[in-house]
């Protein structure tokens, strides 16, 4: 229900990953850099609570859709 990608091109992101959006995924794309981290998630399984755009990391906090008291912190990092 979560997919992490590194080196996503910001200028072609929408067309490159149209197939994931068509399959019901939502996404968060790092704001900086030519090649960026992107995190895809299914809103039926997770609710996005917050996002931090750090140096080469995209850090997201999710809540479980089935139990909102459960949190998941995910760091998507390009080394």
N, C-alpha and C. Protein backbone atom coordinates (compact mmCIF):
# COMPACT_ATOMS: atom_id res chain seq x y z
N UNK A 1 0.80 -1.21 0.00
CA UNK A 1 0.00 0.00 0.00
C UNK A 1 0.83 1.27 0.00
N UNK A 2 2.16 1.12 0.15
CA UNK A 2 3.09 2.25 0.07
C UNK A 2 4.21 1.89 -0.89
N UNK A 3 4.56 2.82 -1.77
CA UNK A 3 5.65 2.63 -2.71
C UNK A 3 6.57 3.84 -2.60
N UNK A 4 7.88 3.59 -2.44
CA UNK A 4 8.88 4.66 -2.38
C UNK A 4 9.75 4.61 -3.63
N UNK A 5 9.97 5.78 -4.22
CA UNK A 5 10.76 5.89 -5.44
C UNK A 5 11.81 6.97 -5.23
N UNK A 6 13.00 6.72 -5.72
CA UNK A 6 14.05 7.74 -5.72
C UNK A 6 14.36 8.07 -7.18
N UNK A 7 14.89 9.25 -7.39
CA UNK A 7 15.26 9.74 -8.71
C UNK A 7 14.06 9.91 -9.64
N UNK A 8 12.95 10.39 -9.09
CA UNK A 8 11.79 10.74 -9.92
C UNK A 8 12.05 12.13 -10.50
N UNK A 9 11.85 12.27 -11.78
CA UNK A 9 12.07 13.55 -12.44
C UNK A 9 10.86 14.45 -12.20
N UNK A 10 11.11 15.62 -11.63
CA UNK A 10 10.03 16.54 -11.32
C UNK A 10 9.25 17.01 -12.52
N UNK A 11 9.95 17.23 -13.64
CA UNK A 11 9.28 17.78 -14.83
C UNK A 11 8.40 16.76 -15.56
N UNK A 12 8.64 15.46 -15.37
CA UNK A 12 7.82 14.44 -16.05
C UNK A 12 7.11 13.53 -15.04
N UNK A 13 7.08 13.94 -13.79
CA UNK A 13 6.52 13.11 -12.72
C UNK A 13 5.09 12.65 -13.02
N UNK A 14 4.22 13.57 -13.39
CA UNK A 14 2.81 13.23 -13.61
C UNK A 14 2.65 12.16 -14.68
N UNK A 15 3.34 12.30 -15.79
CA UNK A 15 3.21 11.32 -16.87
C UNK A 15 3.95 10.01 -16.56
N UNK A 16 5.10 10.11 -15.88
CA UNK A 16 5.87 8.91 -15.55
C UNK A 16 5.10 7.97 -14.62
N UNK A 17 4.34 8.55 -13.71
CA UNK A 17 3.67 7.75 -12.68
C UNK A 17 2.15 7.81 -12.77
N UNK A 18 1.65 8.14 -13.95
CA UNK A 18 0.21 8.17 -14.18
C UNK A 18 -0.45 6.83 -13.86
N UNK A 19 0.26 5.73 -14.12
CA UNK A 19 -0.29 4.39 -13.89
C UNK A 19 -0.56 4.14 -12.40
N UNK A 20 0.27 4.69 -11.52
CA UNK A 20 0.02 4.51 -10.08
C UNK A 20 -1.17 5.35 -9.64
N UNK A 21 -1.26 6.58 -10.12
CA UNK A 21 -2.41 7.41 -9.79
C UNK A 21 -3.70 6.78 -10.33
N UNK A 22 -3.64 6.20 -11.51
CA UNK A 22 -4.81 5.54 -12.10
C UNK A 22 -5.23 4.32 -11.28
N UNK A 23 -4.28 3.73 -10.56
CA UNK A 23 -4.57 2.56 -9.73
C UNK A 23 -5.00 2.94 -8.31
N UNK A 24 -5.21 4.24 -8.07
CA UNK A 24 -5.74 4.67 -6.78
C UNK A 24 -4.73 5.22 -5.79
N UNK A 25 -3.48 5.32 -6.18
CA UNK A 25 -2.46 5.86 -5.28
C UNK A 25 -2.47 7.38 -5.30
N UNK A 26 -2.18 7.98 -4.16
CA UNK A 26 -1.89 9.40 -4.08
C UNK A 26 -0.39 9.52 -3.84
N UNK A 27 0.16 10.72 -4.01
CA UNK A 27 1.62 10.84 -3.91
C UNK A 27 2.05 12.14 -3.26
N UNK A 28 3.29 12.08 -2.76
CA UNK A 28 3.99 13.25 -2.25
C UNK A 28 5.34 13.26 -2.95
N UNK A 29 5.72 14.40 -3.51
CA UNK A 29 6.98 14.53 -4.25
C UNK A 29 7.85 15.55 -3.54
N UNK A 30 9.13 15.22 -3.34
CA UNK A 30 10.06 16.16 -2.71
C UNK A 30 10.09 17.46 -3.50
N UNK A 31 10.17 18.57 -2.81
CA UNK A 31 10.09 19.89 -3.45
C UNK A 31 11.36 20.31 -4.18
N UNK A 32 12.51 19.75 -3.78
CA UNK A 32 13.79 20.22 -4.33
C UNK A 32 14.43 19.18 -5.25
N UNK A 33 15.47 19.61 -5.91
CA UNK A 33 16.34 18.76 -6.72
C UNK A 33 15.71 18.35 -8.05
N UNK A 34 16.58 18.05 -8.99
CA UNK A 34 16.11 17.60 -10.31
C UNK A 34 15.52 16.20 -10.22
N UNK A 35 16.23 15.30 -9.54
CA UNK A 35 15.73 13.94 -9.31
C UNK A 35 15.36 13.84 -7.85
N UNK A 36 14.11 13.49 -7.60
CA UNK A 36 13.54 13.63 -6.26
C UNK A 36 13.01 12.30 -5.72
N UNK A 37 12.79 12.30 -4.43
CA UNK A 37 12.11 11.18 -3.80
C UNK A 37 10.60 11.38 -3.95
N UNK A 38 9.89 10.30 -4.17
CA UNK A 38 8.43 10.34 -4.24
C UNK A 38 7.88 9.18 -3.41
N UNK A 39 6.84 9.45 -2.67
CA UNK A 39 6.18 8.42 -1.88
C UNK A 39 4.73 8.32 -2.35
N UNK A 40 4.32 7.12 -2.70
CA UNK A 40 2.95 6.85 -3.13
C UNK A 40 2.27 6.04 -2.03
N UNK A 41 0.99 6.31 -1.81
CA UNK A 41 0.25 5.58 -0.78
C UNK A 41 -1.22 5.46 -1.20
N UNK A 42 -1.85 4.41 -0.68
CA UNK A 42 -3.28 4.22 -0.93
C UNK A 42 -4.06 4.90 0.19
N UNK A 43 -4.89 5.88 -0.15
CA UNK A 43 -5.67 6.57 0.88
C UNK A 43 -6.69 5.66 1.57
N UNK A 44 -7.01 4.54 0.96
CA UNK A 44 -7.90 3.58 1.62
C UNK A 44 -7.21 2.87 2.79
N UNK A 45 -5.87 2.89 2.79
CA UNK A 45 -5.10 2.23 3.85
C UNK A 45 -4.43 3.22 4.80
N UNK A 46 -4.07 4.41 4.29
CA UNK A 46 -3.33 5.38 5.10
C UNK A 46 -3.85 6.79 4.87
N UNK A 47 -3.81 7.58 5.93
CA UNK A 47 -4.12 9.01 5.83
C UNK A 47 -2.82 9.77 6.05
N UNK A 48 -2.47 10.63 5.12
CA UNK A 48 -1.25 11.44 5.24
C UNK A 48 -1.50 12.55 6.26
N UNK A 49 -0.66 12.59 7.30
CA UNK A 49 -0.81 13.58 8.36
C UNK A 49 0.15 14.75 8.20
N UNK A 50 1.40 14.47 7.82
CA UNK A 50 2.37 15.55 7.66
C UNK A 50 3.52 15.09 6.77
N UNK A 51 4.23 16.08 6.23
CA UNK A 51 5.37 15.82 5.35
C UNK A 51 6.47 16.81 5.68
N UNK A 52 7.71 16.32 5.72
CA UNK A 52 8.87 17.19 5.89
C UNK A 52 9.81 16.95 4.71
N UNK A 53 10.23 18.03 4.08
CA UNK A 53 11.15 17.97 2.95
C UNK A 53 12.53 18.35 3.48
N UNK A 54 13.32 17.36 3.85
CA UNK A 54 14.67 17.60 4.36
C UNK A 54 15.66 17.50 3.21
N UNK A 55 16.96 17.59 3.52
CA UNK A 55 18.00 17.68 2.50
C UNK A 55 17.77 16.72 1.33
N UNK A 56 17.96 15.45 1.52
CA UNK A 56 17.70 14.46 0.47
C UNK A 56 16.73 13.41 0.98
N UNK A 57 15.85 13.82 1.87
CA UNK A 57 14.88 12.90 2.47
C UNK A 57 13.48 13.50 2.42
N UNK A 58 12.54 12.63 2.18
CA UNK A 58 11.13 12.98 2.24
C UNK A 58 10.57 12.17 3.40
N UNK A 59 10.18 12.85 4.47
CA UNK A 59 9.70 12.18 5.68
C UNK A 59 8.20 12.42 5.79
N UNK A 60 7.45 11.34 5.88
CA UNK A 60 5.99 11.44 5.95
C UNK A 60 5.47 10.74 7.19
N UNK A 61 4.42 11.31 7.77
CA UNK A 61 3.73 10.68 8.89
C UNK A 61 2.34 10.29 8.40
N UNK A 62 2.01 9.02 8.60
CA UNK A 62 0.73 8.48 8.20
C UNK A 62 -0.03 7.95 9.41
N UNK A 63 -1.34 7.92 9.31
CA UNK A 63 -2.19 7.22 10.27
C UNK A 63 -2.85 6.07 9.52
N UNK A 64 -3.04 4.99 10.22
CA UNK A 64 -3.75 3.86 9.63
C UNK A 64 -5.20 4.25 9.40
N UNK A 65 -5.73 3.92 8.23
CA UNK A 65 -7.13 4.23 7.94
C UNK A 65 -8.07 3.39 8.79
N UNK A 66 -7.64 2.19 9.14
CA UNK A 66 -8.50 1.30 9.94
C UNK A 66 -8.41 1.59 11.44
N UNK A 67 -7.28 2.16 11.88
CA UNK A 67 -7.10 2.51 13.30
C UNK A 67 -6.27 3.78 13.38
N UNK A 68 -6.92 4.95 13.39
CA UNK A 68 -6.20 6.23 13.37
C UNK A 68 -5.24 6.46 14.53
N UNK A 69 -5.33 5.63 15.58
CA UNK A 69 -4.40 5.78 16.69
C UNK A 69 -3.02 5.20 16.36
N UNK A 70 -2.93 4.43 15.29
CA UNK A 70 -1.64 3.86 14.86
C UNK A 70 -0.98 4.78 13.84
N UNK A 71 0.25 5.16 14.14
CA UNK A 71 1.00 6.07 13.26
C UNK A 71 2.17 5.33 12.62
N UNK A 72 2.51 5.74 11.42
CA UNK A 72 3.67 5.22 10.69
C UNK A 72 4.49 6.41 10.22
N UNK A 73 5.77 6.42 10.59
CA UNK A 73 6.70 7.44 10.11
C UNK A 73 7.56 6.76 9.04
N UNK A 74 7.62 7.38 7.86
CA UNK A 74 8.34 6.79 6.74
C UNK A 74 9.36 7.79 6.21
N UNK A 75 10.60 7.35 6.12
CA UNK A 75 11.67 8.20 5.56
C UNK A 75 12.08 7.62 4.22
N UNK A 76 11.87 8.38 3.17
CA UNK A 76 12.25 8.00 1.81
C UNK A 76 13.51 8.83 1.49
N UNK A 77 14.66 8.15 1.36
CA UNK A 77 15.94 8.84 1.30
C UNK A 77 16.69 8.49 0.02
N UNK A 78 17.27 9.50 -0.60
CA UNK A 78 18.15 9.31 -1.75
C UNK A 78 19.58 9.54 -1.26
N UNK A 79 20.38 8.49 -1.25
CA UNK A 79 21.76 8.60 -0.74
C UNK A 79 22.73 8.97 -1.82
